[in-house]
Amino acid sequence: KAVKEGMLEKRSDGLLQLWKKKRCILTEEGLLLIPPKHPSPQQQPAPPAEPAAKIKELHFSNMKTVDCVERKGKYVYFTVVMAEGKEIDFRCAQEQGWNAAITLQMVQYKNRQAILAVRS
């Protein structure tokens, strides 16, 4: 179930480090990154030219922190730090509040996991 949907820009890993638009769906489990032209997971299966592998999921179980790096101009720049140390840079318009929404969902996910661990 989607908590928030919209566009985010992700910095590419390559040499040029270009900002690429991604359609994002924030759920209670993590963040889905979908190429802008790709159908969403609820729609029909992707055509063979666009394999489902293009959809990237950043699961909260593999996420360590969300660091708000800076607010510059109309953008908020933030970094998602994964458990294995990989850092993924994002930016969005300040009023969209993606960094806060992702942080809130991650904290709620970790709290649910902690409660389950205590119960078992």
Protein backbone atom coordinates (compact mmCIF):
# COMPACT_ATOMS: atom_id res chain seq x y z
CA LYS A 1 0.00 0.00 0.00
CA ALA A 2 1.43 3.34 -1.07
CA VAL A 3 2.07 5.89 1.68
CA LYS A 4 3.41 8.52 -0.77
CA GLU A 5 3.91 8.63 -4.53
CA GLY A 6 5.67 11.11 -6.76
CA MET A 7 8.87 12.05 -8.54
CA LEU A 8 12.33 12.13 -6.99
CA GLU A 9 15.66 12.74 -8.66
CA LYS A 10 18.42 10.20 -8.01
CA ARG A 11 22.09 10.85 -8.69
CA SER A 12 23.49 8.22 -11.02
CA ASP A 13 26.49 6.12 -9.99
CA GLY A 14 28.37 6.76 -13.22
CA LEU A 15 31.25 9.10 -13.87
CA LEU A 16 29.01 12.05 -14.80
CA GLN A 17 26.71 11.63 -11.78
CA LEU A 18 23.65 12.98 -13.59
CA TRP A 19 20.33 13.57 -11.81
CA LYS A 20 17.73 11.15 -13.19
CA LYS A 21 14.01 11.42 -12.51
CA LYS A 22 12.47 8.34 -10.87
CA ARG A 23 8.85 7.69 -10.09
CA CYS A 24 8.84 6.71 -6.42
CA ILE A 25 6.37 4.82 -4.32
CA LEU A 26 6.93 4.89 -0.56
CA THR A 27 5.35 1.93 1.25
CA GLU A 28 5.46 0.64 4.83
CA GLU A 29 8.25 -1.73 3.73
CA GLY A 30 10.50 0.55 1.71
CA LEU A 31 10.95 2.79 -1.32
CA LEU A 32 10.30 1.65 -4.90
CA LEU A 33 12.26 3.45 -7.64
CA ILE A 34 10.63 3.14 -11.06
CA PRO A 35 11.93 4.57 -14.35
CA PRO A 36 9.49 7.35 -15.39
CA LYS A 37 8.14 5.53 -18.49
CA HIS A 38 7.67 2.20 -16.69
CA PRO A 39 4.13 1.10 -15.70
CA SER A 40 3.59 0.96 -11.93
CA PRO A 41 3.61 -2.51 -10.27
CA GLN A 42 -0.20 -2.48 -9.90
CA GLN A 43 -0.68 -2.01 -13.66
CA GLN A 44 -0.20 -4.54 -16.45
CA PRO A 45 3.13 -6.41 -16.61
CA ALA A 46 5.95 -4.51 -18.28
CA PRO A 47 6.53 -5.06 -22.01
CA PRO A 48 9.51 -7.35 -22.78
CA ALA A 49 11.64 -4.31 -23.76
CA GLU A 50 11.42 -3.03 -20.14
CA PRO A 51 12.10 -5.93 -17.75
CA ALA A 52 10.72 -5.69 -14.21
CA ALA A 53 14.36 -5.68 -13.03
CA LYS A 54 14.39 -1.94 -13.80
CA ILE A 55 12.26 -1.39 -10.67
CA LYS A 56 14.58 -1.01 -7.70
CA GLU A 57 13.37 -1.55 -4.14
CA LEU A 58 15.19 0.02 -1.22
CA HIS A 59 13.84 -2.09 1.64
CA PHE A 60 13.86 -0.60 5.15
CA SER A 61 15.47 -3.78 6.51
CA ASN A 62 18.57 -2.85 4.44
CA MET A 63 18.42 0.88 5.21
CA LYS A 64 20.50 2.46 7.95
CA THR A 65 19.72 6.19 7.86
CA VAL A 66 18.35 9.06 5.82
CA ASP A 67 20.69 12.04 6.07
CA CYS A 68 19.42 15.49 5.10
CA VAL A 69 22.49 16.91 3.44
CA GLU A 70 21.40 20.45 2.54
CA ARG A 71 18.69 22.76 1.29
CA LYS A 72 19.89 24.71 -1.71
CA GLY A 73 17.65 26.83 -3.91
CA LYS A 74 14.37 25.03 -4.45
CA TYR A 75 15.83 21.58 -3.67
CA VAL A 76 16.42 19.44 -0.60
CA TYR A 77 19.37 17.09 -1.10
CA PHE A 78 19.45 13.93 0.99
CA THR A 79 21.28 10.63 1.16
CA VAL A 80 19.86 7.19 1.93
CA VAL A 81 22.56 5.10 3.62
CA MET A 82 22.14 1.36 3.16
CA ALA A 83 23.26 -1.28 5.68
CA GLU A 84 26.19 -2.37 3.50
CA GLY A 85 27.46 1.23 3.44
CA LYS A 86 26.19 2.16 -0.04
CA GLU A 87 24.99 5.77 -0.22
CA ILE A 88 22.28 6.85 -2.65
CA ASP A 89 21.84 10.58 -3.27
CA PHE A 90 18.44 12.10 -3.97
CA ARG A 91 16.94 15.54 -4.41
CA CYS A 92 13.42 16.88 -4.51
CA ALA A 93 11.58 20.19 -4.26
CA GLN A 94 11.65 21.41 -0.63
CA GLU A 95 7.87 21.40 -0.23
CA GLN A 96 7.58 17.72 -1.21
CA GLY A 97 9.14 16.52 2.08
CA TRP A 98 10.34 13.17 0.74
CA ASN A 99 13.25 12.95 3.20
CA ALA A 100 10.91 13.38 6.19
CA ALA A 101 8.37 10.88 4.82
CA ILE A 102 11.06 8.24 4.16
CA THR A 103 12.59 8.77 7.61
CA LEU A 104 9.20 8.48 9.32
CA GLN A 105 8.30 5.25 7.50
CA MET A 106 11.76 3.78 8.20
CA VAL A 107 11.46 4.54 11.94
CA GLN A 108 7.96 3.01 12.05
CA TYR A 109 9.24 -0.09 10.21
CA LYS A 110 12.19 -0.50 12.62
CA ASN A 111 9.85 -0.05 15.60
CA ARG A 112 7.51 -2.77 14.28
CA GLN A 113 10.51 -5.09 13.84
CA ALA A 114 11.72 -4.37 17.40
CA ILE A 115 8.25 -5.11 18.85
CA LEU A 116 8.10 -8.40 16.90
CA ALA A 117 11.59 -9.33 18.14
CA VAL A 118 10.59 -8.66 21.77
CA ARG A 119 7.41 -10.74 21.40
CA SER A 120 9.24 -13.74 19.95
